[in-house]
N, C-alpha and C. Protein backbone atom coordinates (compact mmCIF):
# COMPACT_ATOMS: atom_id res chain seq x y z
N MET A 1 0.84 -1.20 0.00
CA MET A 1 0.00 0.00 0.00
C MET A 1 0.88 1.25 0.00
N ARG A 2 0.59 2.20 -0.83
CA ARG A 2 1.39 3.42 -0.93
C ARG A 2 1.20 4.32 0.28
N LYS A 3 2.34 4.80 0.81
CA LYS A 3 2.28 5.65 2.01
C LYS A 3 1.83 7.06 1.63
N THR A 4 0.96 7.61 2.43
CA THR A 4 0.52 8.99 2.23
C THR A 4 0.88 9.80 3.47
N GLY A 5 1.11 11.11 3.28
CA GLY A 5 1.44 11.99 4.40
C GLY A 5 2.89 11.81 4.83
N PHE A 6 3.24 12.43 5.97
CA PHE A 6 4.59 12.40 6.49
C PHE A 6 4.58 11.87 7.91
N THR A 7 5.68 11.22 8.27
CA THR A 7 5.83 10.78 9.66
C THR A 7 6.31 11.96 10.48
N ILE A 8 6.21 11.85 11.79
CA ILE A 8 6.66 12.90 12.71
C ILE A 8 8.15 13.15 12.52
N ILE A 9 8.92 12.10 12.33
CA ILE A 9 10.37 12.23 12.17
C ILE A 9 10.69 13.03 10.91
N GLU A 10 9.97 12.74 9.82
CA GLU A 10 10.20 13.47 8.57
C GLU A 10 9.88 14.95 8.73
N VAL A 11 8.78 15.23 9.42
CA VAL A 11 8.40 16.63 9.65
C VAL A 11 9.45 17.35 10.47
N VAL A 12 9.94 16.68 11.51
CA VAL A 12 10.97 17.27 12.38
C VAL A 12 12.24 17.54 11.59
N VAL A 13 12.65 16.58 10.75
CA VAL A 13 13.86 16.74 9.94
C VAL A 13 13.74 17.94 9.00
N VAL A 14 12.58 18.05 8.33
CA VAL A 14 12.35 19.18 7.42
C VAL A 14 12.37 20.50 8.18
N PHE A 15 11.73 20.51 9.36
CA PHE A 15 11.70 21.72 10.19
C PHE A 15 13.10 22.14 10.60
N LEU A 16 13.92 21.18 11.00
CA LEU A 16 15.29 21.48 11.42
C LEU A 16 16.12 22.00 10.24
N LEU A 17 15.90 21.46 9.05
CA LEU A 17 16.61 21.93 7.87
C LEU A 17 16.24 23.39 7.57
N ILE A 18 14.94 23.68 7.62
CA ILE A 18 14.48 25.05 7.38
C ILE A 18 15.05 26.00 8.43
N LEU A 19 15.04 25.56 9.67
CA LEU A 19 15.56 26.38 10.77
C LEU A 19 17.04 26.66 10.59
N GLY A 20 17.78 25.62 10.17
CA GLY A 20 19.21 25.79 9.96
C GLY A 20 19.52 26.77 8.86
N VAL A 21 18.79 26.67 7.75
CA VAL A 21 18.99 27.60 6.64
C VAL A 21 18.64 29.02 7.06
N THR A 22 17.58 29.17 7.85
CA THR A 22 17.17 30.49 8.33
C THR A 22 18.26 31.13 9.19
N PHE A 23 18.86 30.35 10.07
CA PHE A 23 19.92 30.87 10.94
C PHE A 23 21.16 31.24 10.15
N LEU A 24 21.39 30.57 9.02
CA LEU A 24 22.53 30.90 8.17
C LEU A 24 22.31 32.20 7.41
N ILE A 25 21.08 32.40 6.94
CA ILE A 25 20.75 33.56 6.12
C ILE A 25 20.46 34.80 6.94
N LEU A 26 19.78 34.64 8.08
CA LEU A 26 19.30 35.77 8.87
C LEU A 26 20.38 36.76 9.28
N PRO A 27 21.53 36.31 9.85
CA PRO A 27 22.56 37.29 10.25
C PRO A 27 23.02 38.16 9.10
N LYS A 28 23.21 37.56 7.92
CA LYS A 28 23.66 38.32 6.76
C LYS A 28 22.60 39.33 6.33
N SER A 29 21.34 38.90 6.39
CA SER A 29 20.24 39.78 6.03
C SER A 29 20.13 40.95 6.99
N LEU A 30 20.25 40.67 8.28
CA LEU A 30 20.17 41.72 9.30
C LEU A 30 21.33 42.69 9.16
N ASP A 31 22.52 42.15 8.88
CA ASP A 31 23.71 42.99 8.72
C ASP A 31 23.55 43.93 7.52
N SER A 32 23.00 43.41 6.43
CA SER A 32 22.78 44.23 5.23
C SER A 32 21.76 45.33 5.50
N THR A 33 20.71 45.00 6.24
CA THR A 33 19.69 45.98 6.58
C THR A 33 20.27 47.08 7.47
N LYS A 34 21.08 46.67 8.44
CA LYS A 34 21.71 47.62 9.35
C LYS A 34 22.65 48.54 8.59
N GLN A 35 23.45 47.95 7.67
CA GLN A 35 24.38 48.75 6.89
C GLN A 35 23.65 49.73 5.98
N ALA A 36 22.53 49.29 5.43
CA ALA A 36 21.73 50.18 4.58
C ALA A 36 21.26 51.40 5.37
N ARG A 37 20.90 51.19 6.64
CA ARG A 37 20.49 52.32 7.50
C ARG A 37 21.66 53.26 7.75
N PHE A 38 22.86 52.68 7.97
CA PHE A 38 24.04 53.51 8.19
C PHE A 38 24.33 54.37 6.96
N ILE A 39 24.24 53.76 5.78
CA ILE A 39 24.52 54.48 4.54
C ILE A 39 23.52 55.61 4.34
N SER A 40 22.25 55.31 4.59
CA SER A 40 21.20 56.33 4.47
C SER A 40 21.45 57.47 5.44
N LYS A 41 21.83 57.14 6.66
CA LYS A 41 22.10 58.16 7.69
C LYS A 41 23.30 59.00 7.29
N TRP A 42 24.32 58.39 6.70
CA TRP A 42 25.50 59.13 6.27
C TRP A 42 25.13 60.11 5.15
N ASN A 43 24.30 59.68 4.21
CA ASN A 43 23.85 60.57 3.15
C ASN A 43 23.13 61.79 3.72
N GLU A 44 22.28 61.57 4.70
CA GLU A 44 21.56 62.66 5.34
C GLU A 44 22.53 63.58 6.08
N THR A 45 23.48 62.98 6.78
CA THR A 45 24.47 63.75 7.54
C THR A 45 25.30 64.63 6.63
N TYR A 46 25.71 64.09 5.49
CA TYR A 46 26.57 64.87 4.59
C TYR A 46 25.83 66.08 4.02
N ILE A 47 24.57 65.89 3.69
CA ILE A 47 23.76 67.01 3.19
C ILE A 47 23.70 68.13 4.24
N LYS A 48 23.51 67.74 5.50
CA LYS A 48 23.46 68.72 6.59
C LYS A 48 24.81 69.42 6.77
N LEU A 49 25.89 68.65 6.60
CA LEU A 49 27.23 69.23 6.75
C LEU A 49 27.52 70.25 5.65
N GLU A 50 27.11 69.94 4.43
CA GLU A 50 27.28 70.89 3.33
C GLU A 50 26.57 72.21 3.64
N TYR A 51 25.35 72.10 4.13
CA TYR A 51 24.59 73.30 4.47
C TYR A 51 25.26 74.05 5.62
N MET A 52 25.69 73.31 6.65
CA MET A 52 26.30 73.91 7.82
C MET A 52 27.54 74.72 7.45
N PHE A 53 28.41 74.14 6.64
CA PHE A 53 29.66 74.82 6.30
C PHE A 53 29.42 75.96 5.31
N SER A 54 28.37 75.88 4.52
CA SER A 54 28.05 76.99 3.63
C SER A 54 27.59 78.20 4.45
N VAL A 55 26.84 77.93 5.51
CA VAL A 55 26.38 79.01 6.41
C VAL A 55 27.56 79.63 7.15
N ILE A 56 28.43 78.77 7.67
CA ILE A 56 29.61 79.26 8.40
C ILE A 56 30.49 80.10 7.48
N SER A 57 30.69 79.60 6.26
CA SER A 57 31.53 80.32 5.30
C SER A 57 30.95 81.68 4.95
N ALA A 58 29.64 81.73 4.81
CA ALA A 58 28.98 82.99 4.43
C ALA A 58 28.94 84.01 5.56
N GLN A 59 28.79 83.54 6.79
CA GLN A 59 28.55 84.44 7.91
C GLN A 59 29.79 84.73 8.76
N LYS A 60 30.70 83.74 8.87
CA LYS A 60 31.76 83.88 9.87
C LYS A 60 33.16 83.65 9.34
N ASP A 61 33.34 83.48 8.05
CA ASP A 61 34.63 83.08 7.52
C ASP A 61 35.75 84.04 7.90
N SER A 62 35.56 85.33 7.67
CA SER A 62 36.61 86.32 7.95
C SER A 62 36.91 86.40 9.44
N GLU A 63 35.86 86.30 10.24
CA GLU A 63 36.03 86.35 11.70
C GLU A 63 36.84 85.15 12.20
N ILE A 64 36.51 83.98 11.69
CA ILE A 64 37.23 82.76 12.10
C ILE A 64 38.68 82.81 11.67
N GLN A 65 38.93 83.23 10.42
CA GLN A 65 40.30 83.31 9.91
C GLN A 65 41.15 84.26 10.75
N GLU A 66 40.56 85.35 11.18
CA GLU A 66 41.29 86.31 12.01
C GLU A 66 41.67 85.70 13.36
N LYS A 67 40.73 84.98 13.96
CA LYS A 67 41.00 84.32 15.24
C LYS A 67 42.08 83.25 15.10
N LEU A 68 42.00 82.48 14.02
CA LEU A 68 42.99 81.42 13.79
C LEU A 68 44.38 81.99 13.57
N THR A 69 44.44 83.14 12.92
CA THR A 69 45.73 83.76 12.62
C THR A 69 46.44 84.21 13.90
N VAL A 70 45.70 84.77 14.85
CA VAL A 70 46.33 85.30 16.07
C VAL A 70 46.42 84.27 17.20
N ALA A 71 45.85 83.07 16.98
CA ALA A 71 45.91 82.02 18.02
C ALA A 71 47.35 81.60 18.27
N ASN A 72 47.65 81.26 19.53
CA ASN A 72 49.02 80.96 19.92
C ASN A 72 49.54 79.61 19.42
N ASP A 73 48.68 78.59 19.38
CA ASP A 73 49.13 77.26 18.98
C ASP A 73 47.97 76.47 18.38
N ASP A 74 48.29 75.23 17.99
CA ASP A 74 47.27 74.39 17.34
C ASP A 74 46.12 74.02 18.28
N ASN A 75 46.41 73.87 19.56
CA ASN A 75 45.34 73.57 20.52
C ASN A 75 44.34 74.72 20.60
N ALA A 76 44.86 75.93 20.57
CA ALA A 76 43.99 77.10 20.60
C ALA A 76 43.17 77.19 19.31
N ARG A 77 43.80 76.86 18.20
CA ARG A 77 43.10 76.89 16.90
C ARG A 77 42.01 75.83 16.85
N LYS A 78 42.33 74.65 17.37
CA LYS A 78 41.34 73.57 17.39
C LYS A 78 40.14 73.96 18.25
N LYS A 79 40.40 74.67 19.34
CA LYS A 79 39.33 75.12 20.22
C LYS A 79 38.43 76.12 19.50
N ILE A 80 39.03 77.00 18.69
CA ILE A 80 38.25 77.97 17.93
C ILE A 80 37.33 77.26 16.94
N ILE A 81 37.88 76.26 16.24
CA ILE A 81 37.09 75.50 15.27
C ILE A 81 35.96 74.75 15.97
N LEU A 82 36.29 74.15 17.11
CA LEU A 82 35.29 73.40 17.87
C LEU A 82 34.15 74.29 18.32
N GLU A 83 34.49 75.48 18.82
CA GLU A 83 33.46 76.40 19.29
C GLU A 83 32.59 76.89 18.13
N THR A 84 33.17 76.94 16.94
CA THR A 84 32.41 77.39 15.76
C THR A 84 31.37 76.36 15.34
N ILE A 85 31.78 75.09 15.31
CA ILE A 85 30.87 74.04 14.82
C ILE A 85 29.98 73.46 15.91
N LYS A 86 30.31 73.75 17.16
CA LYS A 86 29.59 73.15 18.30
C LYS A 86 28.08 73.34 18.25
N PRO A 87 27.59 74.55 18.04
CA PRO A 87 26.13 74.72 18.04
C PRO A 87 25.44 74.07 16.85
N TYR A 88 26.14 73.98 15.73
CA TYR A 88 25.54 73.38 14.53
C TYR A 88 25.43 71.86 14.66
N LEU A 89 26.47 71.24 15.22
CA LEU A 89 26.47 69.78 15.38
C LEU A 89 25.87 69.35 16.72
N ARG A 90 25.55 70.34 17.56
CA ARG A 90 25.00 70.07 18.89
C ARG A 90 25.93 69.17 19.71
N ILE A 91 27.18 69.57 19.73
CA ILE A 91 28.19 68.84 20.51
C ILE A 91 27.95 69.11 21.99
N THR A 92 27.93 68.04 22.78
CA THR A 92 27.60 68.17 24.20
C THR A 92 28.80 67.99 25.12
N SER A 93 29.68 67.05 24.80
CA SER A 93 30.80 66.77 25.69
C SER A 93 31.90 66.00 24.96
N GLU A 94 33.08 66.00 25.53
CA GLU A 94 34.19 65.24 24.97
C GLU A 94 34.06 63.77 25.39
N VAL A 95 34.47 62.88 24.50
CA VAL A 95 34.42 61.45 24.81
C VAL A 95 35.59 61.12 25.74
N LYS A 96 35.27 60.70 26.95
CA LYS A 96 36.29 60.37 27.95
C LYS A 96 36.50 58.86 28.09
N THR A 97 35.45 58.09 27.79
CA THR A 97 35.54 56.63 27.91
C THR A 97 36.37 56.07 26.75
N PRO A 98 36.97 54.89 26.92
CA PRO A 98 37.77 54.28 25.84
C PRO A 98 36.96 54.14 24.56
N TYR A 99 37.52 54.60 23.47
CA TYR A 99 36.85 54.54 22.18
C TYR A 99 37.91 54.31 21.11
N THR A 100 37.81 53.18 20.42
CA THR A 100 38.80 52.80 19.42
C THR A 100 38.13 52.65 18.07
N GLN A 101 38.77 53.19 17.04
CA GLN A 101 38.25 53.06 15.69
C GLN A 101 39.04 51.98 14.93
N TYR A 102 38.34 51.35 13.98
CA TYR A 102 38.95 50.30 13.17
C TYR A 102 38.72 50.58 11.70
N TYR A 103 39.62 50.03 10.89
CA TYR A 103 39.41 50.10 9.44
C TYR A 103 38.43 49.01 9.04
N MET A 104 37.94 49.09 7.82
CA MET A 104 36.97 48.12 7.34
C MET A 104 37.52 46.69 7.35
N ASN A 105 38.83 46.56 7.13
CA ASN A 105 39.44 45.22 7.12
C ASN A 105 39.67 44.65 8.51
N GLY A 106 39.28 45.39 9.53
CA GLY A 106 39.37 44.90 10.90
C GLY A 106 40.59 45.38 11.67
N ASN A 107 41.55 45.99 10.99
CA ASN A 107 42.75 46.48 11.68
C ASN A 107 42.45 47.75 12.48
N GLU A 108 43.07 47.86 13.62
CA GLU A 108 42.87 49.03 14.47
C GLU A 108 43.55 50.25 13.88
N VAL A 109 42.93 51.42 14.01
CA VAL A 109 43.55 52.67 13.62
C VAL A 109 44.60 53.01 14.67
N MET A 110 45.87 53.04 14.25
CA MET A 110 46.97 53.24 15.19
C MET A 110 47.30 54.73 15.34
N SER A 111 47.99 55.05 16.42
CA SER A 111 48.28 56.45 16.74
C SER A 111 49.14 57.15 15.70
N ALA A 112 49.94 56.37 14.94
CA ALA A 112 50.81 56.97 13.93
C ALA A 112 50.11 57.15 12.59
N ASP A 113 48.89 56.65 12.45
CA ASP A 113 48.16 56.72 11.18
C ASP A 113 47.64 58.12 10.90
N ASN A 114 47.54 58.45 9.63
CA ASN A 114 47.02 59.77 9.23
C ASN A 114 45.59 59.99 9.69
N TYR A 115 44.85 58.90 9.81
CA TYR A 115 43.43 59.03 10.18
C TYR A 115 43.17 58.67 11.64
N HIS A 116 44.19 58.87 12.46
CA HIS A 116 44.01 58.72 13.90
C HIS A 116 43.65 60.08 14.49
N PHE A 117 42.70 60.08 15.40
CA PHE A 117 42.25 61.31 16.05
C PHE A 117 42.52 61.24 17.55
N ASP A 118 42.93 62.36 18.12
CA ASP A 118 43.18 62.41 19.56
C ASP A 118 41.94 62.85 20.33
N ASN A 119 41.05 63.56 19.66
CA ASN A 119 39.89 64.12 20.36
C ASN A 119 38.58 63.74 19.66
N PHE A 120 37.63 63.26 20.46
CA PHE A 120 36.30 62.91 19.97
C PHE A 120 35.26 63.56 20.86
N TYR A 121 34.09 63.84 20.27
CA TYR A 121 33.04 64.55 21.00
C TYR A 121 31.67 63.92 20.73
N PHE A 122 30.85 63.86 21.78
CA PHE A 122 29.48 63.38 21.64
C PHE A 122 28.59 64.51 21.15
N THR A 123 27.59 64.15 20.34
CA THR A 123 26.55 65.11 19.97
C THR A 123 25.31 64.78 20.80
N SER A 124 24.31 65.62 20.69
CA SER A 124 23.08 65.40 21.46
C SER A 124 22.35 64.14 21.02
N SER A 125 22.64 63.65 19.81
CA SER A 125 22.02 62.41 19.33
C SER A 125 22.95 61.21 19.51
N ASN A 126 23.99 61.39 20.36
CA ASN A 126 24.95 60.35 20.70
C ASN A 126 25.82 59.88 19.54
N GLU A 127 25.92 60.68 18.49
CA GLU A 127 26.93 60.42 17.48
C GLU A 127 28.28 60.85 18.05
N ILE A 128 29.36 60.37 17.42
CA ILE A 128 30.70 60.77 17.87
C ILE A 128 31.41 61.49 16.72
N VAL A 129 31.90 62.68 17.01
CA VAL A 129 32.58 63.51 16.02
C VAL A 129 34.05 63.62 16.38
N GLY A 130 34.92 63.38 15.41
CA GLY A 130 36.36 63.55 15.61
C GLY A 130 36.84 64.77 14.86
N LEU A 131 37.79 65.49 15.44
CA LEU A 131 38.29 66.72 14.84
C LEU A 131 39.82 66.71 14.86
N LYS A 132 40.42 66.98 13.68
CA LYS A 132 41.88 66.97 13.58
C LYS A 132 42.31 68.14 12.71
N LEU A 133 43.09 69.05 13.29
CA LEU A 133 43.59 70.21 12.56
C LEU A 133 44.75 69.79 11.66
N ILE A 134 44.65 70.10 10.37
CA ILE A 134 45.72 69.78 9.43
C ILE A 134 46.64 70.98 9.24
N THR A 135 46.07 72.11 8.90
CA THR A 135 46.84 73.35 8.80
C THR A 135 45.93 74.54 9.10
N SER A 136 46.45 75.50 9.80
CA SER A 136 45.63 76.65 10.21
C SER A 136 45.64 77.76 9.16
N ASN A 137 46.56 77.66 8.21
CA ASN A 137 46.66 78.71 7.20
C ASN A 137 46.52 78.09 5.81
N CYS A 138 45.44 77.34 5.62
CA CYS A 138 45.26 76.60 4.38
C CYS A 138 44.86 77.52 3.23
N LYS A 139 45.33 77.15 2.05
CA LYS A 139 44.99 77.89 0.84
C LYS A 139 43.64 77.41 0.33
N LYS A 140 43.24 77.91 -0.83
CA LYS A 140 41.90 77.67 -1.34
C LYS A 140 41.55 76.19 -1.46
N LYS A 141 42.46 75.34 -1.99
CA LYS A 141 42.15 73.94 -2.23
C LYS A 141 42.85 73.00 -1.25
N GLU A 142 43.50 73.56 -0.26
CA GLU A 142 44.18 72.73 0.73
C GLU A 142 43.21 72.28 1.82
N ILE A 143 43.57 71.16 2.47
CA ILE A 143 42.75 70.64 3.56
C ILE A 143 43.09 71.39 4.84
N CYS A 144 42.09 72.01 5.45
CA CYS A 144 42.30 72.74 6.70
C CYS A 144 42.14 71.80 7.90
N THR A 145 41.06 71.04 7.87
CA THR A 145 40.70 70.19 9.01
C THR A 145 40.14 68.87 8.50
N LEU A 146 40.39 67.82 9.25
CA LEU A 146 39.82 66.50 8.95
C LEU A 146 38.79 66.19 10.02
N MET A 147 37.62 65.71 9.61
CA MET A 147 36.58 65.38 10.57
C MET A 147 36.05 63.97 10.30
N THR A 148 35.71 63.29 11.37
CA THR A 148 35.14 61.96 11.26
C THR A 148 33.82 61.91 12.02
N PHE A 149 32.89 61.07 11.52
CA PHE A 149 31.56 60.97 12.11
C PHE A 149 31.19 59.50 12.31
N ASP A 150 31.07 59.11 13.57
CA ASP A 150 30.59 57.77 13.88
C ASP A 150 29.10 57.91 14.14
N ILE A 151 28.31 57.59 13.13
CA ILE A 151 26.88 57.83 13.21
C ILE A 151 26.16 56.84 14.11
N ASN A 152 26.90 55.84 14.58
CA ASN A 152 26.33 54.86 15.51
C ASN A 152 26.87 55.08 16.92
N GLY A 153 27.57 56.17 17.12
CA GLY A 153 28.13 56.47 18.43
C GLY A 153 29.14 55.44 18.88
N SER A 154 29.15 55.16 20.17
CA SER A 154 30.12 54.22 20.73
C SER A 154 29.74 52.76 20.51
N GLU A 155 28.55 52.51 19.96
CA GLU A 155 28.14 51.14 19.68
C GLU A 155 28.97 50.54 18.56
N ALA A 156 29.18 49.22 18.61
CA ALA A 156 29.93 48.52 17.58
C ALA A 156 29.24 48.69 16.23
N PRO A 157 30.00 48.61 15.12
CA PRO A 157 31.37 48.07 15.03
C PRO A 157 32.47 49.12 15.13
N ASN A 158 32.13 50.41 15.07
CA ASN A 158 33.14 51.48 15.10
C ASN A 158 34.20 51.28 14.01
N LYS A 159 33.72 51.00 12.81
CA LYS A 159 34.60 50.75 11.67
C LYS A 159 34.36 51.76 10.55
N TRP A 160 35.47 52.20 9.94
CA TRP A 160 35.38 53.04 8.76
C TRP A 160 34.63 52.28 7.68
N GLY A 161 33.69 52.97 7.04
CA GLY A 161 32.94 52.38 5.95
C GLY A 161 31.70 51.64 6.41
N TYR A 162 31.60 51.36 7.70
CA TYR A 162 30.40 50.75 8.26
C TYR A 162 29.57 51.82 8.95
N ASP A 163 30.08 52.30 10.08
CA ASP A 163 29.37 53.37 10.78
C ASP A 163 30.22 54.62 10.95
N ILE A 164 31.44 54.61 10.40
CA ILE A 164 32.32 55.78 10.47
C ILE A 164 32.61 56.31 9.08
N PHE A 165 32.47 57.62 8.92
CA PHE A 165 32.72 58.28 7.65
C PHE A 165 33.47 59.58 7.91
N GLY A 166 34.07 60.16 6.87
CA GLY A 166 34.86 61.35 7.11
C GLY A 166 34.82 62.37 6.00
N ILE A 167 35.20 63.59 6.34
CA ILE A 167 35.26 64.68 5.37
C ILE A 167 36.54 65.48 5.53
N ASN A 168 36.97 66.09 4.43
CA ASN A 168 38.01 67.11 4.46
C ASN A 168 37.31 68.46 4.51
N VAL A 169 37.75 69.30 5.42
CA VAL A 169 37.23 70.67 5.47
C VAL A 169 38.23 71.57 4.75
N LEU A 170 37.80 72.17 3.67
CA LEU A 170 38.64 73.05 2.87
C LEU A 170 38.38 74.50 3.26
N LYS A 171 39.11 75.39 2.67
CA LYS A 171 38.93 76.81 3.00
C LYS A 171 37.53 77.30 2.61
N ASN A 172 37.01 76.75 1.51
CA ASN A 172 35.70 77.21 1.04
C ASN A 172 34.72 76.06 0.88
N GLY A 173 34.61 75.22 1.89
CA GLY A 173 33.64 74.14 1.81
C GLY A 173 34.19 72.81 2.31
N ILE A 174 33.52 71.74 1.96
CA ILE A 174 33.93 70.41 2.40
C ILE A 174 33.90 69.43 1.23
N GLU A 175 34.54 68.28 1.42
CA GLU A 175 34.45 67.20 0.46
C GLU A 175 34.59 65.87 1.21
N PRO A 176 33.88 64.83 0.77
CA PRO A 176 34.00 63.53 1.42
C PRO A 176 35.35 62.90 1.11
N LEU A 177 35.86 62.07 1.99
CA LEU A 177 37.13 61.40 1.74
C LEU A 177 37.00 60.53 0.49
N GLY A 178 38.00 60.62 -0.39
CA GLY A 178 37.99 59.86 -1.63
C GLY A 178 37.45 60.61 -2.82
N LYS A 179 37.14 61.89 -2.64
CA LYS A 179 36.52 62.70 -3.70
C LYS A 179 37.36 62.73 -4.98
N ASP A 180 38.68 62.62 -4.86
CA ASP A 180 39.56 62.74 -6.02
C ASP A 180 39.90 61.39 -6.66
N LEU A 181 39.28 60.30 -6.22
CA LEU A 181 39.61 58.97 -6.74
C LEU A 181 38.58 58.49 -7.76
N ASP A 182 39.02 57.57 -8.64
CA ASP A 182 38.10 56.99 -9.61
C ASP A 182 37.25 55.91 -8.95
N PHE A 183 36.19 55.50 -9.65
CA PHE A 183 35.21 54.59 -9.06
C PHE A 183 35.82 53.25 -8.65
N GLU A 184 36.70 52.69 -9.47
CA GLU A 184 37.30 51.39 -9.16
C GLU A 184 38.18 51.46 -7.91
N SER A 185 38.90 52.56 -7.75
CA SER A 185 39.73 52.74 -6.55
C SER A 185 38.86 52.87 -5.31
N LEU A 186 37.75 53.57 -5.45
CA LEU A 186 36.81 53.70 -4.33
C LEU A 186 36.24 52.35 -3.95
N LYS A 187 35.84 51.57 -4.96
CA LYS A 187 35.24 50.26 -4.72
C LYS A 187 36.23 49.31 -4.05
N LYS A 188 37.49 49.38 -4.45
CA LYS A 188 38.52 48.52 -3.87
C LYS A 188 38.75 48.85 -2.40
N ASP A 189 38.78 50.15 -2.09
CA ASP A 189 38.98 50.55 -0.70
C ASP A 189 37.76 50.23 0.16
N CYS A 190 36.58 50.38 -0.46
CA CYS A 190 35.34 50.16 0.28
C CYS A 190 34.92 48.69 0.18
N SER A 191 35.80 47.82 0.67
CA SER A 191 35.55 46.38 0.68
C SER A 191 36.14 45.81 1.95
N LYS A 192 35.83 44.55 2.23
CA LYS A 192 36.32 43.94 3.48
C LYS A 192 37.84 43.80 3.50
N TYR A 193 38.48 43.99 2.34
CA TYR A 193 39.94 43.92 2.28
C TYR A 193 40.58 45.30 2.32
N GLY A 194 39.75 46.35 2.23
CA GLY A 194 40.27 47.71 2.20
C GLY A 194 40.16 48.40 3.54
N PHE A 195 40.50 49.68 3.54
CA PHE A 195 40.45 50.47 4.77
C PHE A 195 39.05 51.01 5.04
N GLY A 196 38.27 51.24 3.99
CA GLY A 196 36.92 51.77 4.18
C GLY A 196 36.86 53.28 4.32
N LEU A 197 38.00 53.94 4.19
CA LEU A 197 38.03 55.40 4.35
C LEU A 197 37.23 56.10 3.27
N PHE A 198 37.34 55.58 2.05
CA PHE A 198 36.74 56.26 0.91
C PHE A 198 35.31 55.80 0.63
N CYS A 199 34.76 54.97 1.51
CA CYS A 199 33.32 54.69 1.45
C CYS A 199 32.54 55.99 1.63
N SER A 200 33.18 56.95 2.28
CA SER A 200 32.55 58.24 2.56
C SER A 200 32.05 58.90 1.28
N TYR A 201 32.81 58.75 0.20
CA TYR A 201 32.40 59.29 -1.10
C TYR A 201 31.70 58.23 -1.94
N TYR A 202 32.20 56.99 -1.85
CA TYR A 202 31.67 55.87 -2.65
C TYR A 202 30.17 55.71 -2.49
N TYR A 203 29.68 55.77 -1.25
CA TYR A 203 28.24 55.60 -1.00
C TYR A 203 27.44 56.82 -1.48
N LEU A 204 28.06 57.99 -1.45
CA LEU A 204 27.35 59.19 -1.87
C LEU A 204 27.08 59.20 -3.37
N ILE A 205 27.90 58.48 -4.14
CA ILE A 205 27.72 58.46 -5.60
C ILE A 205 27.05 57.16 -6.05
N GLY A 206 26.45 56.44 -5.10
CA GLY A 206 25.66 55.26 -5.47
C GLY A 206 26.36 53.93 -5.37
N GLY A 207 27.57 53.91 -4.78
CA GLY A 207 28.25 52.64 -4.59
C GLY A 207 27.47 51.72 -3.68
N ASN A 208 27.55 50.43 -3.94
CA ASN A 208 26.77 49.46 -3.17
C ASN A 208 27.61 48.82 -2.08
N PHE A 209 26.95 48.51 -0.96
CA PHE A 209 27.59 47.78 0.14
C PHE A 209 27.76 46.34 -0.30
N ASP A 210 29.01 45.83 -0.21
CA ASP A 210 29.30 44.46 -0.64
C ASP A 210 29.09 43.50 0.53
């Protein structure tokens, strides 16, 4: 007689197979969804930054330049810059607790690296902003200041290209890191084998999270 239906054991086996496949797929799916939110948040943040620096440039540029010129040292200059951007970014306090940044490939950002920051600040929305003075007397196309934005705050992963992005502050505006690179170079850096620094521009021009 031909068997119809399924035995309990067969049902359990099928259920366990489905469950196993779900557990394999789910983390990757959740990670992609989370990264998509980070990318969307970075796009929104960059638009706000462009507006913020256009306002500062229009209203306070000469005043700021004068203060920077007469400042005694780089610490004083950094303080002037911080006080200028503080109300726009709603900076509340300096980050005192241990906070370490990583590159996309998992390597820690070391103190000797160009993209290492000594000072980080919390915003009212618990984002973390890093500020690094490059030169106080920058020319039109030179980088004045480097800034980093951890849009996920102190929560993991604290990695460039995941939840950390950066901009160069020029004399007359800003640009995302990687602005001067071609698409293939951006894509190579914005991968699990790269540093993730230039994801800052790559995502703004439609690059996809791998």
